[in-house]
Amino acid sequence: MIKTADPAEPVQATSPTPSRIVENARAMVPHLRARIAETERLRKLPEETMKEAAEAGIFSLFVPKSLGGAGGGVGDFVEMVKALAQGHLSAAWTLAFLAEHGLMLARYPEEAQKEIFAEGSDALMSGVIHPPGTAVPVEGGYEVSGYWGYATAVQHADWVQVFAKVEGREGETLLTLLKREDVEVVETWDMSGMGGTGSHHVRTEGAFVPEYRTLDMDVWSSRGNPGAFLHPEAVYSYALRDVLGFMYPAMAVGAAESIIADYRQRLENRRAPFSSLITADSVGGQMRYARCIQALRLAQATLKQTVDEVVEANATIEGEFPPEMRASVKLGLMGVLRMAWEAVDLAVKGSGTSVFKNDHPMQYYIRDLEMLLSHQTIDEDAMLGMTGQILLGRATQSTISII
């Protein structure tokens, strides 16, 4: 549990407002940038970053107001993640996961939520799903065993959520929530991209999890999760994928915004190839910068449009979204990622060889972005194939559920 106040001082009952949290995230950008090398060396976020994020309200954005959180929505999350990504993608990835895990915890049964948030709204969780472990039914709950990866931010967590098949009950699987001290962290994270996220493996053998800290995964991820009936804010009645799907596109847009801002300054400080002109005064430099801005604006506009589409749909549609609408959302978000990467690629190729020094901030952005784009949930071939199946009327039920 992150604690930033003096123990003698009263704990604040509520977090900053969502808009204030977004402003605080923007204020963190120069600090995140200054700590890039340290974060990569530690393979986790420095304590200064964690303390600053707690004070900024990052971890409580998605926690219900009744539990001391800000009760923020999808749009607030997107703006916060975009801001954090302008500082350091590894930090943005970690902090965004910890923030959205607050939303995940608020979907558990009431008894679990009372325990989780007993000490305040900054209950930090690391969550992993695959491969599934094993849950053995015992009196009052389950004994859980398994080996899972990748557990982002597990070094900072109070709780670890893992996925397990119930022994003796074919086809039944549960999300189980363990206390951090009940799992062993196996340090496996040594990557060229997202190096500061600390996404290690975890394992446990026979750890007891009470019944109330378990939940069917389909119920947990649905619009009818327990939190939807406990908290009045709209976001708790979203299907989980309609929130989590925005994380990676928001990060890509934030990174692109930062890279292009730096590229703009570089155009004023270097000569065009084989010319005495400052690059910003050359036709080639002007055209490349215009293409960067074009791609970035398309990414920004599509991201906003898709957020608005999902927010409106959740307010007006009961039950599951029509498959065609879900395909439209996925196409929009995949387009955001493509346009953001195009903007970055144009800027990198127009920046000269100096940005390829190992310690140049651009290298961290490039490696982290490439790692982000490799995530299975945004694999372009797989995702576009599934959306195409839906739009052409050839989708199976499993296709629809994945999208």
Protein backbone atom coordinates (compact mmCIF):
# COMPACT_ATOMS: atom_id res chain seq x y z
CA MET A 1 0.00 0.00 0.00
CA ILE A 2 1.43 3.40 -1.00
CA LYS A 3 1.39 5.83 1.90
CA THR A 4 2.55 9.40 1.40
CA ALA A 5 1.08 11.25 4.37
CA ASP A 6 2.50 11.45 7.88
CA PRO A 7 0.86 8.69 9.99
CA ALA A 8 -0.15 11.32 12.51
CA GLU A 9 -2.11 13.24 9.90
CA PRO A 10 -5.68 12.27 8.99
CA VAL A 11 -5.98 10.32 5.76
CA GLN A 12 -7.86 12.19 3.05
CA ALA A 13 -11.26 10.64 2.43
CA THR A 14 -11.31 11.34 -1.30
CA SER A 15 -8.92 11.54 -4.22
CA PRO A 16 -8.45 14.52 -6.52
CA THR A 17 -11.09 14.95 -9.21
CA PRO A 18 -10.48 13.14 -12.51
CA SER A 19 -9.60 16.40 -14.27
CA ARG A 20 -7.09 17.25 -11.54
CA ILE A 21 -5.52 13.80 -11.86
CA VAL A 22 -5.05 14.41 -15.59
CA GLU A 23 -3.39 17.75 -14.84
CA ASN A 24 -1.16 16.07 -12.27
CA ALA A 25 -0.16 13.43 -14.82
CA ARG A 26 0.92 16.17 -17.24
CA ALA A 27 3.00 17.75 -14.47
CA MET A 28 4.81 14.43 -13.98
CA VAL A 29 6.15 14.33 -17.57
CA PRO A 30 9.53 16.06 -16.99
CA HIS A 31 10.16 13.95 -13.89
CA LEU A 32 9.39 10.71 -15.74
CA ARG A 33 11.78 11.75 -18.50
CA ALA A 34 14.51 12.57 -16.03
CA ARG A 35 14.22 9.09 -14.51
CA ILE A 36 14.21 7.06 -17.75
CA ALA A 37 17.71 5.65 -17.32
CA GLU A 38 17.14 4.87 -13.63
CA THR A 39 13.82 3.16 -14.39
CA GLU A 40 15.42 0.99 -17.06
CA ARG A 41 18.30 0.09 -14.74
CA LEU A 42 15.99 -0.88 -11.87
CA ARG A 43 13.59 -2.79 -14.16
CA LYS A 44 10.76 -1.21 -12.19
CA LEU A 45 9.54 2.27 -11.30
CA PRO A 46 11.71 4.21 -8.85
CA GLU A 47 10.15 4.88 -5.48
CA GLU A 48 10.11 8.62 -6.30
CA THR A 49 7.85 7.88 -9.27
CA MET A 50 5.53 5.69 -7.22
CA LYS A 51 5.28 8.32 -4.48
CA GLU A 52 4.60 11.07 -7.00
CA ALA A 53 1.97 8.98 -8.78
CA ALA A 54 0.19 8.27 -5.49
CA GLU A 55 0.16 11.94 -4.60
CA ALA A 56 -1.15 12.76 -8.09
CA GLY A 57 -4.08 10.39 -7.61
CA ILE A 58 -3.09 8.14 -10.53
CA PHE A 59 -3.91 4.90 -8.71
CA SER A 60 -7.34 6.05 -7.56
CA LEU A 61 -8.65 7.35 -10.89
CA PHE A 62 -10.87 4.29 -11.42
CA VAL A 63 -11.68 3.59 -7.77
CA PRO A 64 -15.31 4.38 -6.85
CA LYS A 65 -15.98 7.60 -4.99
CA SER A 66 -17.64 5.63 -2.20
CA LEU A 67 -14.28 3.94 -1.59
CA GLY A 68 -12.31 7.18 -1.58
CA GLY A 69 -11.43 7.21 -5.28
CA ALA A 70 -12.10 9.65 -8.08
CA GLY A 71 -14.65 7.54 -9.96
CA GLY A 72 -13.14 8.63 -13.29
CA GLY A 73 -14.35 7.57 -16.73
CA VAL A 74 -12.87 6.28 -19.97
CA GLY A 75 -12.11 9.74 -21.34
CA ASP A 76 -10.23 10.67 -18.15
CA PHE A 77 -8.19 7.46 -18.40
CA VAL A 78 -7.25 8.12 -22.02
CA GLU A 79 -6.12 11.67 -21.27
CA MET A 80 -4.12 10.54 -18.24
CA VAL A 81 -2.37 7.75 -20.14
CA LYS A 82 -1.56 10.05 -23.08
CA ALA A 83 0.07 12.48 -20.67
CA LEU A 84 2.13 9.85 -18.87
CA ALA A 85 3.31 8.39 -22.20
CA GLN A 86 4.81 11.75 -23.10
CA GLY A 87 7.27 11.23 -20.26
CA HIS A 88 8.29 7.56 -20.51
CA LEU A 89 6.39 4.66 -22.04
CA SER A 90 7.59 2.08 -19.51
CA ALA A 91 6.36 4.30 -16.69
CA ALA A 92 3.09 5.01 -18.49
CA TRP A 93 2.54 1.28 -19.08
CA THR A 94 3.10 0.46 -15.40
CA LEU A 95 1.07 3.32 -13.98
CA ALA A 96 -1.78 2.76 -16.44
CA PHE A 97 -1.98 -0.91 -15.47
CA LEU A 98 -2.02 -0.04 -11.78
CA ALA A 99 -4.76 2.53 -12.41
CA GLU A 100 -6.97 0.24 -14.48
CA HIS A 101 -6.48 -2.53 -11.93
CA GLY A 102 -8.40 -0.30 -9.53
CA LEU A 103 -11.34 -0.72 -11.89
CA MET A 104 -10.80 -4.48 -11.90
CA LEU A 105 -10.80 -4.65 -8.11
CA ALA A 106 -14.02 -2.62 -7.97
CA ARG A 107 -15.73 -5.44 -9.91
CA TYR A 108 -15.24 -8.05 -7.16
CA PRO A 109 -17.96 -8.96 -4.64
CA GLU A 110 -18.65 -6.45 -1.88
CA GLU A 111 -16.94 -8.46 0.86
CA ALA A 112 -13.73 -8.56 -1.17
CA GLN A 113 -13.88 -4.83 -1.89
CA LYS A 114 -14.22 -4.04 1.82
CA GLU A 115 -11.02 -5.97 2.48
CA ILE A 116 -9.13 -4.65 -0.56
CA PHE A 117 -9.85 -0.98 0.10
CA ALA A 118 -9.80 -1.12 3.89
CA GLU A 119 -6.69 1.07 4.07
CA GLY A 120 -7.63 3.53 1.34
CA SER A 121 -8.12 3.85 -2.39
CA ASP A 122 -4.51 3.07 -3.38
CA ALA A 123 -4.86 -0.71 -3.36
CA LEU A 124 -2.29 -1.79 -5.95
CA MET A 125 -2.77 -5.02 -7.89
CA SER A 126 -0.69 -6.94 -10.39
CA GLY A 127 -2.76 -9.16 -12.63
CA VAL A 128 -1.87 -12.13 -14.85
CA ILE A 129 -4.09 -14.60 -16.65
CA HIS A 130 -2.10 -17.05 -18.77
CA PRO A 131 -1.30 -19.81 -18.47
CA PRO A 132 -4.07 -20.81 -16.06
CA GLY A 133 -3.10 -22.35 -12.74
CA THR A 134 -5.06 -24.79 -10.60
CA ALA A 135 -7.64 -24.06 -7.88
CA VAL A 136 -8.41 -26.96 -5.54
CA PRO A 137 -11.73 -26.56 -3.67
CA VAL A 138 -11.33 -26.62 0.13
CA GLU A 139 -13.49 -25.47 2.99
CA GLY A 140 -14.17 -21.74 2.64
CA GLY A 141 -12.35 -21.28 -0.65
CA TYR A 142 -9.56 -22.69 -2.81
CA GLU A 143 -5.91 -23.64 -2.67
CA VAL A 144 -4.29 -22.06 -5.71
CA SER A 145 -1.09 -23.20 -7.43
CA GLY A 146 0.60 -22.14 -10.65
CA TYR A 147 3.28 -20.19 -12.51
CA TRP A 148 2.16 -17.09 -14.40
CA GLY A 149 3.61 -14.25 -16.45
CA TYR A 150 3.84 -11.40 -17.09
CA ALA A 151 3.02 -9.69 -13.80
CA THR A 152 3.56 -6.01 -14.51
CA ALA A 153 4.37 -3.91 -11.43
CA VAL A 154 4.34 -6.91 -9.10
CA GLN A 155 7.16 -5.38 -7.03
CA HIS A 156 4.81 -2.52 -6.12
CA ALA A 157 1.66 -4.58 -5.59
CA ASP A 158 -0.45 -5.34 -2.54
CA TRP A 159 -2.47 -7.97 -4.42
CA VAL A 160 -1.87 -10.43 -7.26
CA GLN A 161 -4.76 -11.63 -9.43
CA VAL A 162 -4.29 -14.94 -11.22
CA PHE A 163 -6.43 -17.21 -13.39
CA ALA A 164 -6.99 -20.84 -12.39
CA LYS A 165 -8.93 -23.90 -13.53
CA VAL A 166 -11.02 -25.50 -10.78
CA GLU A 167 -9.88 -29.04 -10.12
CA GLY A 168 -12.65 -31.61 -10.53
CA ARG A 169 -14.99 -29.18 -12.30
CA GLU A 170 -14.37 -29.46 -16.01
CA GLY A 171 -14.58 -26.16 -17.83
CA GLU A 172 -14.85 -24.02 -14.69
CA THR A 173 -12.22 -21.29 -14.35
CA LEU A 174 -11.89 -18.52 -11.79
CA LEU A 175 -10.07 -15.29 -11.21
CA THR A 176 -8.47 -15.57 -7.78
CA LEU A 177 -7.05 -12.69 -5.78
CA LEU A 178 -4.03 -13.41 -3.60
CA LYS A 179 -2.17 -11.22 -1.15
CA ARG A 180 1.25 -10.23 -2.46
CA GLU A 181 3.02 -12.12 0.33
CA ASP A 182 1.37 -15.36 -0.83
CA VAL A 183 3.21 -15.40 -4.15
CA GLU A 184 6.88 -15.70 -5.08
CA VAL A 185 8.25 -13.30 -7.68
CA VAL A 186 10.56 -14.97 -10.21
CA GLU A 187 12.69 -12.27 -11.84
CA THR A 188 12.46 -13.05 -15.53
CA TRP A 189 11.99 -9.55 -17.00
CA ASP A 190 15.10 -8.48 -18.93
CA MET A 191 13.83 -6.94 -22.15
CA SER A 192 14.98 -4.37 -24.71
CA GLY A 193 11.49 -2.83 -24.74
CA MET A 194 9.32 -1.80 -21.78
CA GLY A 195 12.34 -2.56 -19.63
CA GLY A 196 11.10 -0.59 -16.64
CA THR A 197 7.74 -2.32 -16.20
CA GLY A 198 8.99 -5.15 -13.96
CA SER A 199 6.74 -7.67 -15.69
CA HIS A 200 8.21 -10.71 -13.97
CA HIS A 201 6.67 -14.16 -13.46
CA VAL A 202 5.00 -15.23 -10.23
CA ARG A 203 4.31 -18.62 -8.70
CA THR A 204 2.60 -20.10 -5.71
CA GLU A 205 1.88 -23.55 -4.34
CA GLY A 206 -1.32 -24.21 -2.40
CA ALA A 207 -2.01 -20.59 -1.40
CA PHE A 208 -5.43 -20.28 0.25
CA VAL A 209 -7.88 -17.86 -1.36
CA PRO A 210 -11.27 -17.36 0.34
CA GLU A 211 -14.37 -17.84 -1.78
CA TYR A 212 -15.26 -14.14 -1.70
CA ARG A 213 -11.94 -13.27 -3.38
CA THR A 214 -12.75 -15.40 -6.42
CA LEU A 215 -14.96 -14.62 -9.40
CA ASP A 216 -15.97 -16.21 -12.67
CA MET A 217 -13.94 -14.48 -15.37
CA ASP A 218 -16.88 -14.03 -17.73
CA VAL A 219 -18.92 -12.35 -14.98
CA TRP A 220 -15.97 -10.19 -13.88
CA SER A 221 -15.36 -8.89 -17.40
CA SER A 222 -19.04 -8.36 -18.27
CA ARG A 223 -21.36 -5.41 -17.86
CA GLY A 224 -23.16 -7.41 -15.14
CA ASN A 225 -20.19 -7.71 -12.76
CA PRO A 226 -20.83 -7.25 -9.00
CA GLY A 227 -19.38 -3.73 -9.02
CA ALA A 228 -22.00 -2.58 -11.51
CA PHE A 229 -24.63 -3.05 -8.80
CA LEU A 230 -22.55 -1.56 -5.99
CA HIS A 231 -21.35 1.72 -7.53
CA PRO A 232 -23.39 4.37 -9.37
CA GLU A 233 -20.62 5.59 -11.71
CA ALA A 234 -21.20 4.37 -15.28
CA VAL A 235 -17.72 2.96 -15.83
CA TYR A 236 -18.29 0.00 -13.49
CA SER A 237 -21.05 -1.29 -15.77
CA TYR A 238 -18.82 -1.30 -18.85
CA ALA A 239 -17.62 -4.53 -20.35
CA LEU A 240 -14.01 -4.56 -19.24
CA ARG A 241 -12.62 -4.72 -22.78
CA ASP A 242 -14.42 -1.46 -23.58
CA VAL A 243 -12.13 0.28 -21.11
CA LEU A 244 -8.87 -1.67 -21.36
CA GLY A 245 -8.83 -1.50 -25.15
CA PHE A 246 -7.99 2.21 -24.98
CA MET A 247 -4.77 1.84 -23.01
CA TYR A 248 -2.38 0.95 -25.83
CA PRO A 249 -3.72 3.44 -28.40
CA ALA A 250 -3.62 6.21 -25.80
CA MET A 251 -0.02 5.35 -25.00
CA ALA A 252 0.92 5.34 -28.68
CA VAL A 253 -0.66 8.75 -29.26
CA GLY A 254 1.01 10.25 -26.18
CA ALA A 255 4.40 8.93 -27.27
CA ALA A 256 3.87 10.26 -30.80
CA GLU A 257 2.94 13.69 -29.45
CA SER A 258 6.15 13.81 -27.44
CA ILE A 259 8.38 12.55 -30.24
CA ILE A 260 6.97 14.99 -32.78
CA ALA A 261 7.35 17.91 -30.36
CA ASP A 262 11.03 16.98 -30.03
CA TYR A 263 11.32 16.54 -33.80
CA ARG A 264 9.91 20.04 -34.30
CA GLN A 265 12.81 21.46 -32.28
CA ARG A 266 15.32 19.30 -34.13
CA LEU A 267 14.16 20.76 -37.46
CA GLU A 268 15.36 24.16 -36.25
CA ASN A 269 18.77 22.89 -35.14
CA ARG A 270 20.12 20.75 -37.97
CA ARG A 271 20.98 21.24 -41.62
CA ALA A 272 19.08 19.58 -44.43
CA PRO A 273 21.13 16.84 -46.15
CA PHE A 274 23.61 18.22 -48.71
CA SER A 275 22.40 21.76 -48.06
CA SER A 276 23.23 24.87 -46.06
CA LEU A 277 19.55 25.32 -45.20
CA ILE A 278 18.13 24.69 -41.75
CA THR A 279 15.89 21.65 -42.18
CA ALA A 280 12.80 23.65 -41.21
CA ASP A 281 13.50 25.94 -44.20
CA SER A 282 13.84 23.09 -46.69
CA VAL A 283 10.95 21.79 -48.77
CA GLY A 284 11.79 18.23 -47.79
CA GLY A 285 11.78 19.06 -44.07
CA GLN A 286 8.54 20.98 -44.38
CA MET A 287 6.82 18.15 -46.26
CA ARG A 288 7.97 15.51 -43.79
CA TYR A 289 6.83 17.57 -40.81
CA ALA A 290 3.43 18.15 -42.45
CA ARG A 291 3.04 14.39 -42.97
CA CYS A 292 3.93 13.80 -39.30
CA ILE A 293 1.27 16.25 -38.18
CA GLN A 294 -1.27 14.75 -40.58
CA ALA A 295 -0.73 11.23 -39.23
CA LEU A 296 -0.77 12.43 -35.63
CA ARG A 297 -4.00 14.40 -36.08
CA LEU A 298 -5.69 11.40 -37.66
CA ALA A 299 -4.62 9.28 -34.67
CA GLN A 300 -5.81 11.89 -32.17
CA ALA A 301 -9.16 12.44 -33.89
CA THR A 302 -9.86 8.73 -34.30
CA LEU A 303 -9.02 8.08 -30.66
CA LYS A 304 -11.43 10.78 -29.49
CA GLN A 305 -14.15 9.60 -31.87
CA THR A 306 -13.82 6.01 -30.66
CA VAL A 307 -13.94 7.05 -27.00
CA ASP A 308 -17.11 9.05 -27.71
CA GLU A 309 -18.62 6.08 -29.57
CA VAL A 310 -18.05 3.70 -26.66
CA VAL A 311 -19.27 6.15 -24.01
CA GLU A 312 -22.47 6.82 -25.95
CA ALA A 313 -23.05 3.12 -26.60
CA ASN A 314 -22.70 2.25 -22.92
CA ALA A 315 -25.27 4.90 -22.09
CA THR A 316 -27.81 3.83 -24.70
CA ILE A 317 -27.36 0.10 -25.40
CA GLU A 318 -28.46 -2.56 -22.93
CA GLY A 319 -26.50 -5.79 -22.83
CA GLU A 320 -23.73 -6.69 -25.25
CA PHE A 321 -22.76 -4.40 -28.11
CA PRO A 322 -23.72 -5.58 -31.62
CA PRO A 323 -20.78 -7.38 -33.25
CA GLU A 324 -20.60 -4.80 -36.04
CA MET A 325 -20.19 -1.99 -33.52
CA ARG A 326 -17.48 -3.88 -31.67
CA ALA A 327 -15.69 -4.42 -34.98
CA SER A 328 -15.98 -0.69 -35.69
CA VAL A 329 -14.39 0.14 -32.33
CA LYS A 330 -11.55 -2.32 -32.92
CA LEU A 331 -10.92 -0.91 -36.41
CA GLY A 332 -10.80 2.59 -34.96
CA LEU A 333 -8.29 1.65 -32.28
CA MET A 334 -6.12 -0.30 -34.71
CA GLY A 335 -6.15 2.75 -36.97
CA VAL A 336 -5.00 4.92 -34.07
CA LEU A 337 -2.03 2.64 -33.50
CA ARG A 338 -1.10 2.59 -37.17
CA MET A 339 -1.30 6.37 -37.60
CA ALA A 340 0.62 7.04 -34.39
CA TRP A 341 3.40 4.69 -35.49
CA GLU A 342 3.48 6.29 -38.96
CA ALA A 343 3.95 9.71 -37.34
CA VAL A 344 6.79 8.38 -35.18
CA ASP A 345 8.46 6.58 -38.08
CA LEU A 346 8.41 9.75 -40.19
CA ALA A 347 9.96 11.75 -37.35
CA VAL A 348 12.66 9.18 -36.64
CA LYS A 349 13.70 8.91 -40.28
CA GLY A 350 13.92 12.67 -40.52
CA SER A 351 15.98 13.14 -37.37
CA GLY A 352 19.45 12.03 -38.44
CA THR A 353 21.78 9.47 -36.95
CA SER A 354 22.25 11.19 -33.58
CA VAL A 355 18.94 9.83 -32.28
CA PHE A 356 20.32 6.29 -32.63
CA LYS A 357 22.79 6.71 -29.78
CA ASN A 358 21.99 4.08 -27.17
CA ASP A 359 21.30 6.64 -24.46
CA HIS A 360 19.16 8.94 -26.60
CA PRO A 361 15.56 9.20 -25.28
CA MET A 362 14.28 8.42 -28.78
CA GLN A 363 15.70 4.91 -28.49
CA TYR A 364 13.65 4.18 -25.39
CA TYR A 365 10.52 5.41 -27.15
CA ILE A 366 11.19 3.31 -30.26
CA ARG A 367 11.90 0.10 -28.36
CA ASP A 368 8.96 0.58 -26.03
CA LEU A 369 6.59 1.37 -28.90
CA GLU A 370 7.69 -1.67 -30.86
CA MET A 371 7.16 -3.80 -27.77
CA LEU A 372 3.72 -2.27 -27.27
CA LEU A 373 2.73 -2.98 -30.88
CA SER A 374 3.70 -6.64 -30.46
CA HIS A 375 1.08 -7.24 -27.75
CA GLN A 376 -1.25 -10.07 -28.68
CA THR A 377 -4.41 -8.05 -28.04
CA ILE A 378 -3.44 -5.62 -30.81
CA ASP A 379 -1.76 -8.02 -33.22
CA GLU A 380 -2.71 -6.39 -36.51
CA ASP A 381 -3.10 -9.55 -38.60
CA ALA A 382 -5.19 -11.34 -35.98
CA MET A 383 -7.36 -8.37 -35.00
CA LEU A 384 -8.05 -7.14 -38.54
CA GLY A 385 -8.79 -10.71 -39.60
CA MET A 386 -11.41 -11.01 -36.87
CA THR A 387 -13.01 -7.66 -37.66
CA GLY A 388 -13.11 -8.60 -41.33
CA GLN A 389 -14.92 -11.82 -40.46
CA ILE A 390 -17.57 -9.85 -38.59
CA LEU A 391 -18.02 -7.22 -41.28
CA LEU A 392 -18.29 -9.90 -43.98
CA GLY A 393 -20.79 -11.95 -41.98
CA ARG A 394 -18.42 -14.86 -41.44
CA ALA A 395 -17.73 -14.54 -37.73
CA THR A 396 -18.01 -17.32 -35.20
CA GLN A 397 -19.10 -16.74 -31.60
CA SER A 398 -15.50 -17.13 -30.44
CA THR A 399 -14.41 -14.44 -32.88
CA ILE A 400 -16.98 -12.03 -31.50
CA SER A 401 -16.00 -12.74 -27.90
CA ILE A 402 -12.33 -12.00 -28.60
CA ILE A 403 -13.03 -8.72 -30.34
